[in-house]
mmCIF file of all heavy atoms, coordinates in Angstrom:
data_MODEL
# 
_entry.id   MODEL 
# 
loop_
_atom_site.group_PDB 
_atom_site.id 
_atom_site.type_symbol 
_atom_site.label_atom_id 
_atom_site.label_alt_id 
_atom_site.label_comp_id 
_atom_site.label_asym_id 
_atom_site.label_entity_id 
_atom_site.label_seq_id 
_atom_site.pdbx_PDB_ins_code 
_atom_site.Cartn_x 
_atom_site.Cartn_y 
_atom_site.Cartn_z 
_atom_site.occupancy 
_atom_site.B_iso_or_equiv 
_atom_site.pdbx_formal_charge 
_atom_site.auth_seq_id 
_atom_site.auth_comp_id 
_atom_site.auth_asym_id 
_atom_site.auth_atom_id 
_atom_site.pdbx_PDB_model_num 
ATOM 1   N N   . SER A 1 1  ? 0.844  -1.179  0.000   1.00 0.00 ? 1  SER A N   1 
ATOM 2   C CA  . SER A 1 1  ? 0.000  0.000   0.000   1.00 0.00 ? 1  SER A CA  1 
ATOM 3   C C   . SER A 1 1  ? 0.885  1.237   0.000   1.00 0.00 ? 1  SER A C   1 
ATOM 4   O O   . SER A 1 1  ? 2.086  1.149   0.243   1.00 0.00 ? 1  SER A O   1 
ATOM 5   C CB  . SER A 1 1  ? -0.941 0.024   1.206   1.00 0.00 ? 1  SER A CB  1 
ATOM 6   O OG  . SER A 1 1  ? -0.219 0.061   2.422   1.00 0.00 ? 1  SER A OG  1 
ATOM 7   N N   . GLY A 1 2  ? 0.297  2.396   -0.275  1.00 0.00 ? 2  GLY A N   1 
ATOM 8   C CA  . GLY A 1 2  ? 1.013  3.659   -0.197  1.00 0.00 ? 2  GLY A CA  1 
ATOM 9   C C   . GLY A 1 2  ? 1.410  4.263   -1.524  1.00 0.00 ? 2  GLY A C   1 
ATOM 10  O O   . GLY A 1 2  ? 1.947  5.377   -1.551  1.00 0.00 ? 2  GLY A O   1 
ATOM 11  N N   . GLY A 1 3  ? 1.157  3.582   -2.624  1.00 0.00 ? 3  GLY A N   1 
ATOM 12  C CA  . GLY A 1 3  ? 1.488  4.131   -3.932  1.00 0.00 ? 3  GLY A CA  1 
ATOM 13  C C   . GLY A 1 3  ? 0.565  5.281   -4.293  1.00 0.00 ? 3  GLY A C   1 
ATOM 14  O O   . GLY A 1 3  ? -0.457 5.512   -3.653  1.00 0.00 ? 3  GLY A O   1 
ATOM 15  N N   . GLY A 1 4  ? 0.944  6.008   -5.328  1.00 0.00 ? 4  GLY A N   1 
ATOM 16  C CA  . GLY A 1 4  ? 0.141  7.131   -5.770  1.00 0.00 ? 4  GLY A CA  1 
ATOM 17  C C   . GLY A 1 4  ? 0.897  8.016   -6.724  1.00 0.00 ? 4  GLY A C   1 
ATOM 18  O O   . GLY A 1 4  ? 1.924  7.630   -7.278  1.00 0.00 ? 4  GLY A O   1 
ATOM 19  N N   . LEU A 1 5  ? 0.370  9.224   -6.906  1.00 0.00 ? 5  LEU A N   1 
ATOM 20  C CA  . LEU A 1 5  ? 0.957  10.216  -7.805  1.00 0.00 ? 5  LEU A CA  1 
ATOM 21  C C   . LEU A 1 5  ? 1.702  11.266  -6.994  1.00 0.00 ? 5  LEU A C   1 
ATOM 22  O O   . LEU A 1 5  ? 1.159  11.815  -6.033  1.00 0.00 ? 5  LEU A O   1 
ATOM 23  C CB  . LEU A 1 5  ? -0.138 10.874  -8.648  1.00 0.00 ? 5  LEU A CB  1 
ATOM 24  C CG  . LEU A 1 5  ? 0.273  12.013  -9.573  1.00 0.00 ? 5  LEU A CG  1 
ATOM 25  C CD1 . LEU A 1 5  ? 1.228  11.503  -10.648 1.00 0.00 ? 5  LEU A CD1 1 
ATOM 26  C CD2 . LEU A 1 5  ? -0.960 12.649  -10.195 1.00 0.00 ? 5  LEU A CD2 1 
ATOM 27  N N   . GLU A 1 6  ? 2.949  11.547  -7.382  1.00 0.00 ? 6  GLU A N   1 
ATOM 28  C CA  . GLU A 1 6  ? 3.757  12.541  -6.696  1.00 0.00 ? 6  GLU A CA  1 
ATOM 29  C C   . GLU A 1 6  ? 4.597  13.295  -7.713  1.00 0.00 ? 6  GLU A C   1 
ATOM 30  O O   . GLU A 1 6  ? 4.941  12.758  -8.764  1.00 0.00 ? 6  GLU A O   1 
ATOM 31  C CB  . GLU A 1 6  ? 4.654  11.870  -5.660  1.00 0.00 ? 6  GLU A CB  1 
ATOM 32  C CG  . GLU A 1 6  ? 5.456  12.831  -4.791  1.00 0.00 ? 6  GLU A CG  1 
ATOM 33  C CD  . GLU A 1 6  ? 4.575  13.803  -4.033  1.00 0.00 ? 6  GLU A CD  1 
ATOM 34  O OE1 . GLU A 1 6  ? 4.027  13.417  -2.975  1.00 0.00 ? 6  GLU A OE1 1 
ATOM 35  O OE2 . GLU A 1 6  ? 4.433  14.948  -4.497  1.00 0.00 ? 6  GLU A OE2 1 
ATOM 36  N N   . GLN A 1 7  ? 4.911  14.542  -7.408  1.00 0.00 ? 7  GLN A N   1 
ATOM 37  C CA  . GLN A 1 7  ? 5.753  15.342  -8.277  1.00 0.00 ? 7  GLN A CA  1 
ATOM 38  C C   . GLN A 1 7  ? 7.228  15.044  -8.037  1.00 0.00 ? 7  GLN A C   1 
ATOM 39  O O   . GLN A 1 7  ? 7.616  14.593  -6.958  1.00 0.00 ? 7  GLN A O   1 
ATOM 40  C CB  . GLN A 1 7  ? 5.503  16.835  -8.059  1.00 0.00 ? 7  GLN A CB  1 
ATOM 41  C CG  . GLN A 1 7  ? 4.129  17.305  -8.476  1.00 0.00 ? 7  GLN A CG  1 
ATOM 42  C CD  . GLN A 1 7  ? 4.029  18.800  -8.529  1.00 0.00 ? 7  GLN A CD  1 
ATOM 43  O OE1 . GLN A 1 7  ? 3.680  19.380  -9.561  1.00 0.00 ? 7  GLN A OE1 1 
ATOM 44  N NE2 . GLN A 1 7  ? 4.355  19.464  -7.434  1.00 0.00 ? 7  GLN A NE2 1 
ATOM 45  N N   . ALA A 1 8  ? 8.042  15.279  -9.050  1.00 0.00 ? 8  ALA A N   1 
ATOM 46  C CA  . ALA A 1 8  ? 9.481  15.109  -8.907  1.00 0.00 ? 8  ALA A CA  1 
ATOM 47  C C   . ALA A 1 8  ? 9.991  15.918  -7.721  1.00 0.00 ? 8  ALA A C   1 
ATOM 48  O O   . ALA A 1 8  ? 9.599  17.066  -7.526  1.00 0.00 ? 8  ALA A O   1 
ATOM 49  C CB  . ALA A 1 8  ? 10.191 15.529  -10.188 1.00 0.00 ? 8  ALA A CB  1 
ATOM 50  N N   . GLY A 1 9  ? 10.864 15.294  -6.925  1.00 0.00 ? 9  GLY A N   1 
ATOM 51  C CA  . GLY A 1 9  ? 11.381 15.922  -5.723  1.00 0.00 ? 9  GLY A CA  1 
ATOM 52  C C   . GLY A 1 9  ? 10.573 15.630  -4.478  1.00 0.00 ? 9  GLY A C   1 
ATOM 53  O O   . GLY A 1 9  ? 11.029 15.919  -3.363  1.00 0.00 ? 9  GLY A O   1 
ATOM 54  N N   . GLY A 1 10 ? 9.399  15.049  -4.638  1.00 0.00 ? 10 GLY A N   1 
ATOM 55  C CA  . GLY A 1 10 ? 8.538  14.732  -3.516  1.00 0.00 ? 10 GLY A CA  1 
ATOM 56  C C   . GLY A 1 10 ? 8.860  13.394  -2.885  1.00 0.00 ? 10 GLY A C   1 
ATOM 57  O O   . GLY A 1 10 ? 9.857  12.753  -3.216  1.00 0.00 ? 10 GLY A O   1 
ATOM 58  N N   . SER A 1 11 ? 7.981  12.962  -1.968  1.00 0.00 ? 11 SER A N   1 
ATOM 59  C CA  . SER A 1 11 ? 8.208  11.736  -1.209  1.00 0.00 ? 11 SER A CA  1 
ATOM 60  C C   . SER A 1 11 ? 6.953  10.886  -1.136  1.00 0.00 ? 11 SER A C   1 
ATOM 61  O O   . SER A 1 11 ? 5.829  11.392  -1.168  1.00 0.00 ? 11 SER A O   1 
ATOM 62  C CB  . SER A 1 11 ? 8.656  12.063  0.220   1.00 0.00 ? 11 SER A CB  1 
ATOM 63  O OG  . SER A 1 11 ? 9.873  12.780  0.246   1.00 0.00 ? 11 SER A OG  1 
ATOM 64  N N   . LEU A 1 12 ? 7.153  9.583   -1.031  1.00 0.00 ? 12 LEU A N   1 
ATOM 65  C CA  . LEU A 1 12 ? 6.098  8.619   -0.775  1.00 0.00 ? 12 LEU A CA  1 
ATOM 66  C C   . LEU A 1 12 ? 6.648  7.549   0.153   1.00 0.00 ? 12 LEU A C   1 
ATOM 67  O O   . LEU A 1 12 ? 7.852  7.285   0.148   1.00 0.00 ? 12 LEU A O   1 
ATOM 68  C CB  . LEU A 1 12 ? 5.605  7.954   -2.060  1.00 0.00 ? 12 LEU A CB  1 
ATOM 69  C CG  . LEU A 1 12 ? 4.741  8.761   -3.019  1.00 0.00 ? 12 LEU A CG  1 
ATOM 70  C CD1 . LEU A 1 12 ? 4.544  7.981   -4.314  1.00 0.00 ? 12 LEU A CD1 1 
ATOM 71  C CD2 . LEU A 1 12 ? 3.396  9.083   -2.382  1.00 0.00 ? 12 LEU A CD2 1 
ATOM 72  N N   . ARG A 1 13 ? 5.773  6.922   0.928   1.00 0.00 ? 13 ARG A N   1 
ATOM 73  C CA  . ARG A 1 13 ? 6.171  5.792   1.759   1.00 0.00 ? 13 ARG A CA  1 
ATOM 74  C C   . ARG A 1 13 ? 5.298  4.596   1.434   1.00 0.00 ? 13 ARG A C   1 
ATOM 75  O O   . ARG A 1 13 ? 4.074  4.648   1.586   1.00 0.00 ? 13 ARG A O   1 
ATOM 76  C CB  . ARG A 1 13 ? 6.061  6.106   3.255   1.00 0.00 ? 13 ARG A CB  1 
ATOM 77  C CG  . ARG A 1 13 ? 6.670  4.988   4.124   1.00 0.00 ? 13 ARG A CG  1 
ATOM 78  C CD  . ARG A 1 13 ? 6.590  5.265   5.602   1.00 0.00 ? 13 ARG A CD  1 
ATOM 79  N NE  . ARG A 1 13 ? 5.243  5.086   6.127   1.00 0.00 ? 13 ARG A NE  1 
ATOM 80  C CZ  . ARG A 1 13 ? 4.952  4.914   7.416   1.00 0.00 ? 13 ARG A CZ  1 
ATOM 81  N NH1 . ARG A 1 13 ? 5.929  4.895   8.309   1.00 0.00 ? 13 ARG A NH1 1 
ATOM 82  N NH2 . ARG A 1 13 ? 3.699  4.789   7.801   1.00 0.00 ? 13 ARG A NH2 1 
ATOM 83  N N   . LEU A 1 14 ? 5.923  3.524   0.988   1.00 0.00 ? 14 LEU A N   1 
ATOM 84  C CA  . LEU A 1 14 ? 5.225  2.287   0.702   1.00 0.00 ? 14 LEU A CA  1 
ATOM 85  C C   . LEU A 1 14 ? 5.271  1.359   1.913   1.00 0.00 ? 14 LEU A C   1 
ATOM 86  O O   . LEU A 1 14 ? 6.250  1.339   2.652   1.00 0.00 ? 14 LEU A O   1 
ATOM 87  C CB  . LEU A 1 14 ? 5.856  1.571   -0.495  1.00 0.00 ? 14 LEU A CB  1 
ATOM 88  C CG  . LEU A 1 14 ? 5.999  2.373   -1.792  1.00 0.00 ? 14 LEU A CG  1 
ATOM 89  C CD1 . LEU A 1 14 ? 6.570  1.482   -2.887  1.00 0.00 ? 14 LEU A CD1 1 
ATOM 90  C CD2 . LEU A 1 14 ? 4.675  2.976   -2.207  1.00 0.00 ? 14 LEU A CD2 1 
ATOM 91  N N   . SER A 1 15 ? 4.204  0.587   2.093   1.00 0.00 ? 15 SER A N   1 
ATOM 92  C CA  . SER A 1 15 ? 4.131  -0.380  3.182   1.00 0.00 ? 15 SER A CA  1 
ATOM 93  C C   . SER A 1 15 ? 3.886  -1.769  2.626   1.00 0.00 ? 15 SER A C   1 
ATOM 94  O O   . SER A 1 15 ? 3.171  -1.926  1.629   1.00 0.00 ? 15 SER A O   1 
ATOM 95  C CB  . SER A 1 15 ? 3.000  -0.023  4.155   1.00 0.00 ? 15 SER A CB  1 
ATOM 96  O OG  . SER A 1 15 ? 3.217  1.231   4.758   1.00 0.00 ? 15 SER A OG  1 
ATOM 97  N N   . CYS A 1 16 ? 4.465  -2.763  3.269   1.00 0.00 ? 16 CYS A N   1 
ATOM 98  C CA  . CYS A 1 16 ? 4.254  -4.165  2.919   1.00 0.00 ? 16 CYS A CA  1 
ATOM 99  C C   . CYS A 1 16 ? 3.872  -4.905  4.190   1.00 0.00 ? 16 CYS A C   1 
ATOM 100 O O   . CYS A 1 16 ? 4.721  -5.119  5.069   1.00 0.00 ? 16 CYS A O   1 
ATOM 101 C CB  . CYS A 1 16 ? 5.512  -4.761  2.297   1.00 0.00 ? 16 CYS A CB  1 
ATOM 102 S SG  . CYS A 1 16 ? 5.411  -6.542  1.990   1.00 0.00 ? 16 CYS A SG  1 
ATOM 103 N N   . ALA A 1 17 ? 2.613  -5.277  4.300   1.00 0.00 ? 17 ALA A N   1 
ATOM 104 C CA  . ALA A 1 17 ? 2.128  -6.019  5.457   1.00 0.00 ? 17 ALA A CA  1 
ATOM 105 C C   . ALA A 1 17 ? 2.212  -7.508  5.166   1.00 0.00 ? 17 ALA A C   1 
ATOM 106 O O   . ALA A 1 17 ? 1.667  -7.980  4.171   1.00 0.00 ? 17 ALA A O   1 
ATOM 107 C CB  . ALA A 1 17 ? 0.693  -5.624  5.779   1.00 0.00 ? 17 ALA A CB  1 
ATOM 108 N N   . ALA A 1 18 ? 2.884  -8.246  6.044   1.00 0.00 ? 18 ALA A N   1 
ATOM 109 C CA  . ALA A 1 18 ? 3.133  -9.668  5.834   1.00 0.00 ? 18 ALA A CA  1 
ATOM 110 C C   . ALA A 1 18 ? 2.326  -10.515 6.807   1.00 0.00 ? 18 ALA A C   1 
ATOM 111 O O   . ALA A 1 18 ? 2.357  -10.282 8.019   1.00 0.00 ? 18 ALA A O   1 
ATOM 112 C CB  . ALA A 1 18 ? 4.617  -9.983  5.991   1.00 0.00 ? 18 ALA A CB  1 
ATOM 113 N N   . SER A 1 19 ? 1.613  -11.492 6.277   1.00 0.00 ? 19 SER A N   1 
ATOM 114 C CA  . SER A 1 19 ? 0.900  -12.461 7.099   1.00 0.00 ? 19 SER A CA  1 
ATOM 115 C C   . SER A 1 19 ? 1.744  -13.723 7.165   1.00 0.00 ? 19 SER A C   1 
ATOM 116 O O   . SER A 1 19 ? 1.691  -14.560 6.263   1.00 0.00 ? 19 SER A O   1 
ATOM 117 C CB  . SER A 1 19 ? -0.481 -12.759 6.525   1.00 0.00 ? 19 SER A CB  1 
ATOM 118 O OG  . SER A 1 19 ? -1.297 -11.602 6.519   1.00 0.00 ? 19 SER A OG  1 
ATOM 119 N N   . VAL A 1 20 ? 2.550  -13.827 8.213   1.00 0.00 ? 20 VAL A N   1 
ATOM 120 C CA  . VAL A 1 20 ? 3.466  -14.950 8.383   1.00 0.00 ? 20 VAL A CA  1 
ATOM 121 C C   . VAL A 1 20 ? 3.490  -15.373 9.836   1.00 0.00 ? 20 VAL A C   1 
ATOM 122 O O   . VAL A 1 20 ? 3.144  -14.598 10.732  1.00 0.00 ? 20 VAL A O   1 
ATOM 123 C CB  . VAL A 1 20 ? 4.904  -14.603 7.931   1.00 0.00 ? 20 VAL A CB  1 
ATOM 124 C CG1 . VAL A 1 20 ? 4.949  -14.318 6.440   1.00 0.00 ? 20 VAL A CG1 1 
ATOM 125 C CG2 . VAL A 1 20 ? 5.426  -13.413 8.723   1.00 0.00 ? 20 VAL A CG2 1 
ATOM 126 N N   . ARG A 1 21 ? 3.929  -16.603 10.088  1.00 0.00 ? 21 ARG A N   1 
ATOM 127 C CA  . ARG A 1 21 ? 4.018  -17.100 11.458  1.00 0.00 ? 21 ARG A CA  1 
ATOM 128 C C   . ARG A 1 21 ? 5.250  -16.574 12.178  1.00 0.00 ? 21 ARG A C   1 
ATOM 129 O O   . ARG A 1 21 ? 5.169  -16.155 13.337  1.00 0.00 ? 21 ARG A O   1 
ATOM 130 C CB  . ARG A 1 21 ? 4.027  -18.626 11.468  1.00 0.00 ? 21 ARG A CB  1 
ATOM 131 C CG  . ARG A 1 21 ? 2.710  -19.275 11.091  1.00 0.00 ? 21 ARG A CG  1 
ATOM 132 C CD  . ARG A 1 21 ? 2.797  -20.779 11.245  1.00 0.00 ? 21 ARG A CD  1 
ATOM 133 N NE  . ARG A 1 21 ? 1.527  -21.440 10.999  1.00 0.00 ? 21 ARG A NE  1 
ATOM 134 C CZ  . ARG A 1 21 ? 1.334  -22.741 11.092  1.00 0.00 ? 21 ARG A CZ  1 
ATOM 135 N NH1 . ARG A 1 21 ? 2.344  -23.542 11.426  1.00 0.00 ? 21 ARG A NH1 1 
ATOM 136 N NH2 . ARG A 1 21 ? 0.128  -23.247 10.850  1.00 0.00 ? 21 ARG A NH2 1 
ATOM 137 N N   . THR A 1 22 ? 6.399  -16.607 11.498  1.00 0.00 ? 22 THR A N   1 
ATOM 138 C CA  . THR A 1 22 ? 7.660  -16.179 12.100  1.00 0.00 ? 22 THR A CA  1 
ATOM 139 C C   . THR A 1 22 ? 8.315  -15.138 11.200  1.00 0.00 ? 22 THR A C   1 
ATOM 140 O O   . THR A 1 22 ? 9.138  -15.459 10.346  1.00 0.00 ? 22 THR A O   1 
ATOM 141 C CB  . THR A 1 22 ? 8.599  -17.377 12.317  1.00 0.00 ? 22 THR A CB  1 
ATOM 142 O OG1 . THR A 1 22 ? 8.742  -18.111 11.091  1.00 0.00 ? 22 THR A OG1 1 
ATOM 143 C CG2 . THR A 1 22 ? 8.030  -18.307 13.379  1.00 0.00 ? 22 THR A CG2 1 
ATOM 144 N N   . PHE A 1 23 ? 7.960  -13.881 11.425  1.00 0.00 ? 23 PHE A N   1 
ATOM 145 C CA  . PHE A 1 23 ? 8.430  -12.769 10.613  1.00 0.00 ? 23 PHE A CA  1 
ATOM 146 C C   . PHE A 1 23 ? 9.953  -12.676 10.592  1.00 0.00 ? 23 PHE A C   1 
ATOM 147 O O   . PHE A 1 23 ? 10.551 -12.369 9.559   1.00 0.00 ? 23 PHE A O   1 
ATOM 148 C CB  . PHE A 1 23 ? 7.814  -11.477 11.147  1.00 0.00 ? 23 PHE A CB  1 
ATOM 149 C CG  . PHE A 1 23 ? 7.951  -10.278 10.249  1.00 0.00 ? 23 PHE A CG  1 
ATOM 150 C CD1 . PHE A 1 23 ? 7.675  -10.357 8.895   1.00 0.00 ? 23 PHE A CD1 1 
ATOM 151 C CD2 . PHE A 1 23 ? 8.338  -9.056  10.776  1.00 0.00 ? 23 PHE A CD2 1 
ATOM 152 C CE1 . PHE A 1 23 ? 7.784  -9.252  8.073   1.00 0.00 ? 23 PHE A CE1 1 
ATOM 153 C CE2 . PHE A 1 23 ? 8.441  -7.934  9.969   1.00 0.00 ? 23 PHE A CE2 1 
ATOM 154 C CZ  . PHE A 1 23 ? 8.167  -8.035  8.615   1.00 0.00 ? 23 PHE A CZ  1 
ATOM 155 N N   . SER A 1 24 ? 10.590 -12.982 11.723  1.00 0.00 ? 24 SER A N   1 
ATOM 156 C CA  . SER A 1 24 ? 12.034 -12.832 11.843  1.00 0.00 ? 24 SER A CA  1 
ATOM 157 C C   . SER A 1 24 ? 12.821 -13.827 11.002  1.00 0.00 ? 24 SER A C   1 
ATOM 158 O O   . SER A 1 24 ? 14.034 -13.671 10.847  1.00 0.00 ? 24 SER A O   1 
ATOM 159 C CB  . SER A 1 24 ? 12.457 -12.957 13.313  1.00 0.00 ? 24 SER A CB  1 
ATOM 160 O OG  . SER A 1 24 ? 12.137 -14.233 13.828  1.00 0.00 ? 24 SER A OG  1 
# 
């Protein structure tokens, strides 16, 4: 999640949510 439209020089933050038993 977190994608979108941004102008050059700007910022975005993407997230990746994981459904797992042992994340580490």
